[in-house]
Amino acid sequence: MGADGGTIPKRCELVKKKKKAEKLDRSVKNATKWRNCQLSQQPLKKPIIACRYGRLYNKETVIEAILTKTIQNFEIASHIKGMKVSSSFFR
């Protein structure tokens, strides 16, 4: 009927290991960076601008954030002071 002392459990059967946290695939992470605005997390639409760090933004979102003076609240875009330095694509 079992449990009569005939088997000796091994350590791996007694000790539960901590599960590793799942890592996002690097290609998936990069794909979202190239398809979404870094400021609003919305899909990119023309016109698109890039900052000096290579991050892509929707031009309307950046202009709106600069005019309402909320761009400093976003850590990812706090280095943007105006539109002079930004490069425009797909005008």
PDB file of N, CA and C in Angstrom:
ATOM      1  N   MET A   1       0.805  -1.193   0.000  1.00  0.00           N
ATOM      2  CA  MET A   1       0.000   0.000   0.000  1.00  0.00           C
ATOM      3  C   MET A   1       0.852   1.262   0.000  1.00  0.00           C
ATOM      4  N   GLY A   2       2.129   1.151   0.078  1.00  0.00           N
ATOM      5  CA  GLY A   2       3.016   2.297   0.054  1.00  0.00           C
ATOM      6  C   GLY A   2       3.205   2.883   1.437  1.00  0.00           C
ATOM      7  N   ALA A   3       4.084   3.859   1.533  1.00  0.00           N
ATOM      8  CA  ALA A   3       4.403   4.553   2.785  1.00  0.00           C
ATOM      9  C   ALA A   3       4.852   3.575   3.867  1.00  0.00           C
ATOM     10  N   ASP A   4       5.493   2.491   3.462  1.00  0.00           N
ATOM     11  CA  ASP A   4       5.967   1.514   4.442  1.00  0.00           C
ATOM     12  C   ASP A   4       7.459   1.669   4.700  1.00  0.00           C
ATOM     13  N   GLY A   5       8.035   2.780   4.243  1.00  0.00           N
ATOM     14  CA  GLY A   5       9.443   3.027   4.508  1.00  0.00           C
ATOM     15  C   GLY A   5      10.359   2.494   3.441  1.00  0.00           C
ATOM     16  N   GLY A   6       9.817   2.036   2.347  1.00  0.00           N
ATOM     17  CA  GLY A   6      10.635   1.464   1.300  1.00  0.00           C
ATOM     18  C   GLY A   6      11.297   2.493   0.399  1.00  0.00           C
ATOM     19  N   THR A   7      10.842   3.731   0.422  1.00  0.00           N
ATOM     20  CA  THR A   7      11.430   4.754  -0.447  1.00  0.00           C
ATOM     21  C   THR A   7      11.996   5.891   0.395  1.00  0.00           C
ATOM     22  N   ILE A   8      13.089   6.442  -0.083  1.00  0.00           N
ATOM     23  CA  ILE A   8      13.705   7.581   0.593  1.00  0.00           C
ATOM     24  C   ILE A   8      13.614   8.767  -0.367  1.00  0.00           C
ATOM     25  N   PRO A   9      12.926   9.838   0.043  1.00  0.00           N
ATOM     26  CA  PRO A   9      12.793  10.989  -0.858  1.00  0.00           C
ATOM     27  C   PRO A   9      14.123  11.724  -1.023  1.00  0.00           C
ATOM     28  N   LYS A  10      14.305  12.263  -2.200  1.00  0.00           N
ATOM     29  CA  LYS A  10      15.508  13.045  -2.492  1.00  0.00           C
ATOM     30  C   LYS A  10      15.241  14.508  -2.146  1.00  0.00           C
ATOM     31  N   ARG A  11      16.321  15.276  -2.080  1.00  0.00           N
ATOM     32  CA  ARG A  11      16.209  16.690  -1.718  1.00  0.00           C
ATOM     33  C   ARG A  11      15.328  17.445  -2.717  1.00  0.00           C
ATOM     34  N   CYS A  12      15.500  17.165  -4.008  1.00  0.00           N
ATOM     35  CA  CYS A  12      14.739  17.881  -5.028  1.00  0.00           C
ATOM     36  C   CYS A  12      13.242  17.609  -4.928  1.00  0.00           C
ATOM     37  N   GLU A  13      12.867  16.491  -4.321  1.00  0.00           N
ATOM     38  CA  GLU A  13      11.460  16.180  -4.144  1.00  0.00           C
ATOM     39  C   GLU A  13      10.871  16.893  -2.933  1.00  0.00           C
ATOM     40  N   LEU A  14      11.707  17.277  -1.982  1.00  0.00           N
ATOM     41  CA  LEU A  14      11.236  17.916  -0.759  1.00  0.00           C
ATOM     42  C   LEU A  14      11.282  19.443  -0.804  1.00  0.00           C
ATOM     43  N   VAL A  15      12.304  19.995  -1.458  1.00  0.00           N
ATOM     44  CA  VAL A  15      12.515  21.437  -1.454  1.00  0.00           C
ATOM     45  C   VAL A  15      11.923  22.046  -2.722  1.00  0.00           C
ATOM     46  N   LYS A  16      11.109  23.069  -2.540  1.00  0.00           N
ATOM     47  CA  LYS A  16      10.527  23.778  -3.679  1.00  0.00           C
ATOM     48  C   LYS A  16      11.449  24.932  -4.042  1.00  0.00           C
ATOM     49  N   LYS A  17      11.758  25.052  -5.309  1.00  0.00           N
ATOM     50  CA  LYS A  17      12.622  26.133  -5.776  1.00  0.00           C
ATOM     51  C   LYS A  17      11.786  27.364  -6.092  1.00  0.00           C
ATOM     52  N   LYS A  18      12.417  28.516  -5.915  1.00  0.00           N
ATOM     53  CA  LYS A  18      11.771  29.774  -6.240  1.00  0.00           C
ATOM     54  C   LYS A  18      11.691  29.889  -7.757  1.00  0.00           C
ATOM     55  N   LYS A  19      10.507  30.230  -8.263  1.00  0.00           N
ATOM     56  CA  LYS A  19      10.336  30.351  -9.704  1.00  0.00           C
ATOM     57  C   LYS A  19      10.945  31.654 -10.183  1.00  0.00           C
ATOM     58  N   LYS A  20      11.565  31.599 -11.348  1.00  0.00           N
ATOM     59  CA  LYS A  20      12.171  32.785 -11.940  1.00  0.00           C
ATOM     60  C   LYS A  20      11.082  33.664 -12.552  1.00  0.00           C
ATOM     61  N   ALA A  21      11.258  34.960 -12.414  1.00  0.00           N
ATOM     62  CA  ALA A  21      10.321  35.895 -13.019  1.00  0.00           C
ATOM     63  C   ALA A  21      10.467  35.851 -14.533  1.00  0.00           C
ATOM     64  N   GLU A  22       9.341  35.947 -15.216  1.00  0.00           N
ATOM     65  CA  GLU A  22       9.375  35.912 -16.672  1.00  0.00           C
ATOM     66  C   GLU A  22       9.961  37.207 -17.201  1.00  0.00           C
ATOM     67  N   LYS A  23      10.870  37.089 -18.146  1.00  0.00           N
ATOM     68  CA  LYS A  23      11.463  38.256 -18.779  1.00  0.00           C
ATOM     69  C   LYS A  23      10.776  38.484 -20.117  1.00  0.00           C
ATOM     70  N   LEU A  24      10.519  39.753 -20.408  1.00  0.00           N
ATOM     71  CA  LEU A  24       9.968  40.075 -21.715  1.00  0.00           C
ATOM     72  C   LEU A  24      11.028  39.836 -22.773  1.00  0.00           C
ATOM     73  N   ASP A  25      10.590  39.305 -23.862  1.00  0.00           N
ATOM     74  CA  ASP A  25      11.503  39.078 -24.969  1.00  0.00           C
ATOM     75  C   ASP A  25      12.021  40.426 -25.461  1.00  0.00           C
ATOM     76  N   ARG A  26      13.302  40.523 -25.688  1.00  0.00           N
ATOM     77  CA  ARG A  26      13.931  41.788 -26.076  1.00  0.00           C
ATOM     78  C   ARG A  26      13.349  42.321 -27.388  1.00  0.00           C
ATOM     79  N   SER A  27      13.022  41.440 -28.306  1.00  0.00           N
ATOM     80  CA  SER A  27      12.477  41.892 -29.587  1.00  0.00           C
ATOM     81  C   SER A  27      11.078  42.484 -29.417  1.00  0.00           C
ATOM     82  N   VAL A  28      10.293  41.935 -28.504  1.00  0.00           N
ATOM     83  CA  VAL A  28       8.961  42.477 -28.237  1.00  0.00           C
ATOM     84  C   VAL A  28       9.079  43.851 -27.593  1.00  0.00           C
ATOM     85  N   LYS A  29      10.009  43.978 -26.666  1.00  0.00           N
ATOM     86  CA  LYS A  29      10.219  45.251 -25.978  1.00  0.00           C
ATOM     87  C   LYS A  29      10.662  46.332 -26.965  1.00  0.00           C
ATOM     88  N   ASN A  30      11.571  45.993 -27.873  1.00  0.00           N
ATOM     89  CA  ASN A  30      12.042  46.952 -28.868  1.00  0.00           C
ATOM     90  C   ASN A  30      10.946  47.303 -29.870  1.00  0.00           C
ATOM     91  N   ALA A  31      10.112  46.337 -30.208  1.00  0.00           N
ATOM     92  CA  ALA A  31       9.043  46.593 -31.172  1.00  0.00           C
ATOM     93  C   ALA A  31       8.059  47.620 -30.632  1.00  0.00           C
ATOM     94  N   THR A  32       7.752  47.573 -29.346  1.00  0.00           N
ATOM     95  CA  THR A  32       6.833  48.555 -28.780  1.00  0.00           C
ATOM     96  C   THR A  32       7.463  49.938 -28.735  1.00  0.00           C
ATOM     97  N   LYS A  33       8.778  50.008 -28.546  1.00  0.00           N
ATOM     98  CA  LYS A  33       9.452  51.310 -28.547  1.00  0.00           C
ATOM     99  C   LYS A  33       9.403  51.959 -29.922  1.00  0.00           C
ATOM    100  N   TRP A  34       9.476  51.169 -30.974  1.00  0.00           N
ATOM    101  CA  TRP A  34       9.508  51.711 -32.326  1.00  0.00           C
ATOM    102  C   TRP A  34       8.120  51.933 -32.903  1.00  0.00           C
ATOM    103  N   ARG A  35       7.095  51.440 -32.262  1.00  0.00           N
ATOM    104  CA  ARG A  35       5.733  51.579 -32.791  1.00  0.00           C
ATOM    105  C   ARG A  35       4.862  52.531 -31.989  1.00  0.00           C
ATOM    106  N   ASN A  36       5.263  52.855 -30.752  1.00  0.00           N
ATOM    107  CA  ASN A  36       4.440  53.690 -29.889  1.00  0.00           C
ATOM    108  C   ASN A  36       5.162  54.973 -29.512  1.00  0.00           C
ATOM    109  N   CYS A  37       4.375  56.021 -29.302  1.00  0.00           N
ATOM    110  CA  CYS A  37       4.905  57.292 -28.817  1.00  0.00           C
ATOM    111  C   CYS A  37       5.394  57.076 -27.390  1.00  0.00           C
ATOM    112  N   GLN A  38       6.608  57.528 -27.087  1.00  0.00           N
ATOM    113  CA  GLN A  38       7.183  57.319 -25.759  1.00  0.00           C
ATOM    114  C   GLN A  38       6.513  58.188 -24.702  1.00  0.00           C
ATOM    115  N   LEU A  39       5.826  59.237 -25.119  1.00  0.00           N
ATOM    116  CA  LEU A  39       5.184  60.151 -24.185  1.00  0.00           C
ATOM    117  C   LEU A  39       3.768  59.702 -23.838  1.00  0.00           C
ATOM    118  N   SER A  40       2.981  59.374 -24.854  1.00  0.00           N
ATOM    119  CA  SER A  40       1.571  59.039 -24.636  1.00  0.00           C
ATOM    120  C   SER A  40       1.271  57.548 -24.719  1.00  0.00           C
ATOM    121  N   GLN A  41       2.230  56.745 -25.169  1.00  0.00           N
ATOM    122  CA  GLN A  41       2.062  55.303 -25.369  1.00  0.00           C
ATOM    123  C   GLN A  41       0.990  54.978 -26.411  1.00  0.00           C
ATOM    124  N   GLN A  42       0.650  55.942 -27.256  1.00  0.00           N
ATOM    125  CA  GLN A  42      -0.281  55.733 -28.359  1.00  0.00           C
ATOM    126  C   GLN A  42       0.516  55.302 -29.587  1.00  0.00           C
ATOM    127  N   PRO A  43      -0.114  54.614 -30.541  1.00  0.00           N
ATOM    128  CA  PRO A  43       0.605  54.247 -31.768  1.00  0.00           C
ATOM    129  C   PRO A  43       1.102  55.496 -32.499  1.00  0.00           C
ATOM    130  N   LEU A  44       2.273  55.400 -33.097  1.00  0.00           N
ATOM    131  CA  LEU A  44       2.846  56.535 -33.817  1.00  0.00           C
ATOM    132  C   LEU A  44       2.031  56.833 -35.064  1.00  0.00           C
ATOM    133  N   LYS A  45       1.826  58.122 -35.313  1.00  0.00           N
ATOM    134  CA  LYS A  45       1.158  58.559 -36.531  1.00  0.00           C
ATOM    135  C   LYS A  45       1.878  59.794 -37.046  1.00  0.00           C
ATOM    136  N   LYS A  46       1.805  60.038 -38.327  1.00  0.00           N
ATOM    137  CA  LYS A  46       2.512  61.157 -38.942  1.00  0.00           C
ATOM    138  C   LYS A  46       1.950  62.463 -38.424  1.00  0.00           C
ATOM    139  N   PRO A  47       2.739  63.471 -38.192  1.00  0.00           N
ATOM    140  CA  PRO A  47       4.189  63.580 -38.226  1.00  0.00           C
ATOM    141  C   PRO A  47       4.825  63.033 -36.952  1.00  0.00           C
ATOM    142  N   ILE A  48       6.001  62.476 -37.107  1.00  0.00           N
ATOM    143  CA  ILE A  48       6.752  61.873 -36.005  1.00  0.00           C
ATOM    144  C   ILE A  48       8.005  62.705 -35.775  1.00  0.00           C
ATOM    145  N   ILE A  49       8.383  62.897 -34.507  1.00  0.00           N
ATOM    146  CA  ILE A  49       9.638  63.580 -34.203  1.00  0.00           C
ATOM    147  C   ILE A  49      10.493  62.676 -33.327  1.00  0.00           C
ATOM    148  N   ALA A  50      11.791  62.918 -33.357  1.00  0.00           N
ATOM    149  CA  ALA A  50      12.743  62.153 -32.549  1.00  0.00           C
ATOM    150  C   ALA A  50      13.558  63.125 -31.711  1.00  0.00           C
ATOM    151  N   CYS A  51      13.873  62.723 -30.498  1.00  0.00           N
ATOM    152  CA  CYS A  51      14.709  63.558 -29.636  1.00  0.00           C
ATOM    153  C   CYS A  51      16.170  63.158 -29.830  1.00  0.00           C
ATOM    154  N   ARG A  52      17.042  63.824 -29.107  1.00  0.00           N
ATOM    155  CA  ARG A  52      18.478  63.553 -29.253  1.00  0.00           C
ATOM    156  C   ARG A  52      18.865  62.174 -28.736  1.00  0.00           C
ATOM    157  N   TYR A  53      18.005  61.545 -27.939  1.00  0.00           N
ATOM    158  CA  TYR A  53      18.276  60.201 -27.436  1.00  0.00           C
ATOM    159  C   TYR A  53      17.713  59.113 -28.347  1.00  0.00           C
ATOM    160  N   GLY A  54      17.057  59.507 -29.429  1.00  0.00           N
ATOM    161  CA  GLY A  54      16.536  58.548 -30.392  1.00  0.00           C
ATOM    162  C   GLY A  54      15.140  58.051 -30.081  1.00  0.00           C
ATOM    163  N   ARG A  55      14.472  58.657 -29.131  1.00  0.00           N
ATOM    164  CA  ARG A  55      13.105  58.250 -28.798  1.00  0.00           C
ATOM    165  C   ARG A  55      12.140  58.904 -29.777  1.00  0.00           C
ATOM    166  N   LEU A  56      11.094  58.172 -30.147  1.00  0.00           N
ATOM    167  CA  LEU A  56      10.125  58.662 -31.118  1.00  0.00           C
ATOM    168  C   LEU A  56       8.859  59.136 -30.412  1.00  0.00           C
ATOM    169  N   TYR A  57       8.319  60.258 -30.899  1.00  0.00           N
ATOM    170  CA  TYR A  57       7.125  60.855 -30.308  1.00  0.00           C
ATOM    171  C   TYR A  57       6.175  61.293 -31.417  1.00  0.00           C
ATOM    172  N   ASN A  58       4.876  61.349 -31.090  1.00  0.00           N
ATOM    173  CA  ASN A  58       3.916  62.001 -31.968  1.00  0.00           C
ATOM    174  C   ASN A  58       4.107  63.503 -31.803  1.00  0.00           C
ATOM    175  N   LYS A  59       4.204  64.218 -32.906  1.00  0.00           N
ATOM    176  CA  LYS A  59       4.490  65.651 -32.855  1.00  0.00           C
ATOM    177  C   LYS A  59       3.387  66.403 -32.111  1.00  0.00           C
ATOM    178  N   GLU A  60       2.133  66.036 -32.339  1.00  0.00           N
ATOM    179  CA  GLU A  60       1.011  66.702 -31.679  1.00  0.00           C
ATOM    180  C   GLU A  60       1.087  66.547 -30.164  1.00  0.00           C
ATOM    181  N   THR A  61       1.464  65.380 -29.700  1.00  0.00           N
ATOM    182  CA  THR A  61       1.555  65.122 -28.266  1.00  0.00           C
ATOM    183  C   THR A  61       2.637  65.973 -27.621  1.00  0.00           C
ATOM    184  N   VAL A  62       3.776  66.094 -28.285  1.00  0.00           N
ATOM    185  CA  VAL A  62       4.880  66.889 -27.739  1.00  0.00           C
ATOM    186  C   VAL A  62       4.514  68.368 -27.715  1.00  0.00           C
ATOM    187  N   ILE A  63       3.914  68.861 -28.794  1.00  0.00           N
ATOM    188  CA  ILE A  63       3.518  70.273 -28.840  1.00  0.00           C
ATOM    189  C   ILE A  63       2.503  70.572 -27.743  1.00  0.00           C
ATOM    190  N   GLU A  64       1.544  69.679 -27.583  1.00  0.00           N
ATOM    191  CA  GLU A  64       0.529  69.863 -26.540  1.00  0.00           C
ATOM    192  C   GLU A  64       1.161  69.873 -25.147  1.00  0.00           C
ATOM    193  N   ALA A  65       2.106  68.986 -24.913  1.00  0.00           N
ATOM    194  CA  ALA A  65       2.771  68.915 -23.603  1.00  0.00           C
ATOM    195  C   ALA A  65       3.634  70.151 -23.351  1.00  0.00           C
ATOM    196  N   ILE A  66       4.272  70.682 -24.396  1.00  0.00           N
ATOM    197  CA  ILE A  66       5.092  71.891 -24.239  1.00  0.00           C
ATOM    198  C   ILE A  66       4.201  73.097 -23.947  1.00  0.00           C
ATOM    199  N   LEU A  67       3.096  73.216 -24.683  1.00  0.00           N
ATOM    200  CA  LEU A  67       2.210  74.368 -24.498  1.00  0.00           C
ATOM    201  C   LEU A  67       1.517  74.363 -23.136  1.00  0.00           C
ATOM    202  N   THR A  68       1.152  73.193 -22.647  1.00  0.00           N
ATOM    203  CA  THR A  68       0.493  73.115 -21.335  1.00  0.00           C
ATOM    204  C   THR A  68       1.500  73.017 -20.196  1.00  0.00           C
ATOM    205  N   LYS A  69       2.785  73.004 -20.548  1.00  0.00           N
ATOM    206  CA  LYS A  69       3.890  72.946 -19.584  1.00  0.00           C
ATOM    207  C   LYS A  69       3.820  71.712 -18.677  1.00  0.00           C
ATOM    208  N   THR A  70       3.382  70.599 -19.253  1.00  0.00           N
ATOM    209  CA  THR A  70       3.341  69.337 -18.514  1.00  0.00           C
ATOM    210  C   THR A  70       4.454  68.394 -18.940  1.00  0.00           C
ATOM    211  N   ILE A  71       5.289  68.815 -19.872  1.00  0.00           N
ATOM    212  CA  ILE A  71       6.348  67.930 -20.380  1.00  0.00           C
ATOM    213  C   ILE A  71       7.378  67.628 -19.298  1.00  0.00           C
ATOM    214  N   GLN A  72       7.564  68.529 -18.342  1.00  0.00           N
ATOM    215  CA  GLN A  72       8.521  68.299 -17.260  1.00  0.00           C
ATOM    216  C   GLN A  72       8.032  67.219 -16.296  1.00  0.00           C
ATOM    217  N   ASN A  73       6.721  66.920 -16.314  1.00  0.00           N
ATOM    218  CA  ASN A  73       6.170  65.877 -15.444  1.00  0.00           C
ATOM    219  C   ASN A  73       6.526  64.476 -15.935  1.00  0.00           C
ATOM    220  N   PHE A  74       6.851  64.353 -17.216  1.00  0.00           N
ATOM    221  CA  PHE A  74       7.199  63.065 -17.796  1.00  0.00           C
ATOM    222  C   PHE A  74       8.710  62.885 -17.724  1.00  0.00           C
ATOM    223  N   GLU A  75       9.156  61.895 -16.981  1.00  0.00           N
ATOM    224  CA  GLU A  75      10.600  61.668 -16.816  1.00  0.00           C
ATOM    225  C   GLU A  75      11.271  61.320 -18.140  1.00  0.00           C
ATOM    226  N   ILE A  76      10.565  60.595 -18.987  1.00  0.00           N
ATOM    227  CA  ILE A  76      11.153  60.140 -20.244  1.00  0.00           C
ATOM    228  C   ILE A  76      11.342  61.290 -21.234  1.00  0.00           C
ATOM    229  N   ALA A  77      10.625  62.400 -21.043  1.00  0.00           N
ATOM    230  CA  ALA A  77      10.723  63.516 -21.984  1.00  0.00           C
ATOM    231  C   ALA A  77      11.095  64.822 -21.301  1.00  0.00           C
ATOM    232  N   SER A  78      11.618  64.772 -20.104  1.00  0.00           N
ATOM    233  CA  SER A  78      11.933  66.002 -19.369  1.00  0.00           C
ATOM    234  C   SER A  78      13.089  66.776 -20.005  1.00  0.00           C
ATOM    235  N   HIS A  79      13.867  66.134 -20.863  1.00  0.00           N
ATOM    236  CA  HIS A  79      14.984  66.809 -21.526  1.00  0.00           C
ATOM    237  C   HIS A  79      14.533  67.658 -22.712  1.00  0.00           C
ATOM    238  N   ILE A  80      13.298  67.507 -23.151  1.00  0.00           N
ATOM    239  CA  ILE A  80      12.788  68.279 -24.284  1.00  0.00           C
ATOM    240  C   ILE A  80      12.347  69.649 -23.776  1.00  0.00           C
ATOM    241  N   LYS A  81      12.976  70.688 -24.307  1.00  0.00           N
ATOM    242  CA  LYS A  81      12.657  72.057 -23.891  1.00  0.00           C
ATOM    243  C   LYS A  81      11.845  72.789 -24.958  1.00  0.00           C
ATOM    244  N   GLY A  82      12.024  72.417 -26.204  1.00  0.00           N
ATOM    245  CA  GLY A  82      11.321  73.067 -27.303  1.00  0.00           C
ATOM    246  C   GLY A  82      11.416  72.223 -28.551  1.00  0.00           C
ATOM    247  N   MET A  83      10.919  72.765 -29.652  1.00  0.00           N
ATOM    248  CA  MET A  83      10.878  71.997 -30.895  1.00  0.00           C
ATOM    249  C   MET A  83      12.091  72.243 -31.788  1.00  0.00           C
ATOM    250  N   LYS A  84      12.994  73.154 -31.425  1.00  0.00           N
ATOM    251  CA  LYS A  84      14.138  73.466 -32.282  1.00  0.00           C
ATOM    252  C   LYS A  84      15.078  72.282 -32.463  1.00  0.00           C
ATOM    253  N   VAL A  85      15.351  71.559 -31.408  1.00  0.00           N
ATOM    254  CA  VAL A  85      16.350  70.491 -31.441  1.00  0.00           C
ATOM    255  C   VAL A  85      15.784  69.201 -32.027  1.00  0.00           C
ATOM    256  N   SER A  86      14.482  68.988 -31.928  1.00  0.00           N
ATOM    257  CA  SER A  86      13.867  67.742 -32.375  1.00  0.00           C
ATOM    258  C   SER A  86      13.913  67.612 -33.888  1.00  0.00           C
ATOM    259  N   SER A  87      14.069  66.402 -34.365  1.00  0.00           N
ATOM    260  CA  SER A  87      14.081  66.118 -35.799  1.00  0.00           C
ATOM    261  C   SER A  87      12.714  65.610 -36.218  1.00  0.00           C
ATOM    262  N   SER A  88      12.164  66.182 -37.285  1.00  0.00           N
ATOM    263  CA  SER A  88      10.856  65.762 -37.774  1.00  0.00           C
ATOM    264  C   SER A  88      11.025  64.744 -38.890  1.00  0.00           C
ATOM    265  N   PHE A  89      10.139  63.780 -38.906  1.00  0.00           N
ATOM    266  CA  PHE A  89      10.093  62.767 -39.952  1.00  0.00           C
ATOM    267  C   PHE A  89       8.678  62.727 -40.507  1.00  0.00           C
ATOM    268  N   PHE A  90       8.532  62.337 -41.739  1.00  0.00           N
ATOM    269  CA  PHE A  90       7.227  62.147 -42.373  1.00  0.00           C
ATOM    270  C   PHE A  90       6.355  63.387 -42.233  1.00  0.00           C
ATOM    271  N   ARG A  91       6.803  64.493 -42.743  1.00  0.00           N
ATOM    272  CA  ARG A  91       6.017  65.736 -42.651  1.00  0.00           C
ATOM    273  C   ARG A  91       4.797  65.692 -43.500  1.00  0.00           C
TER     274      ARG A  91
END
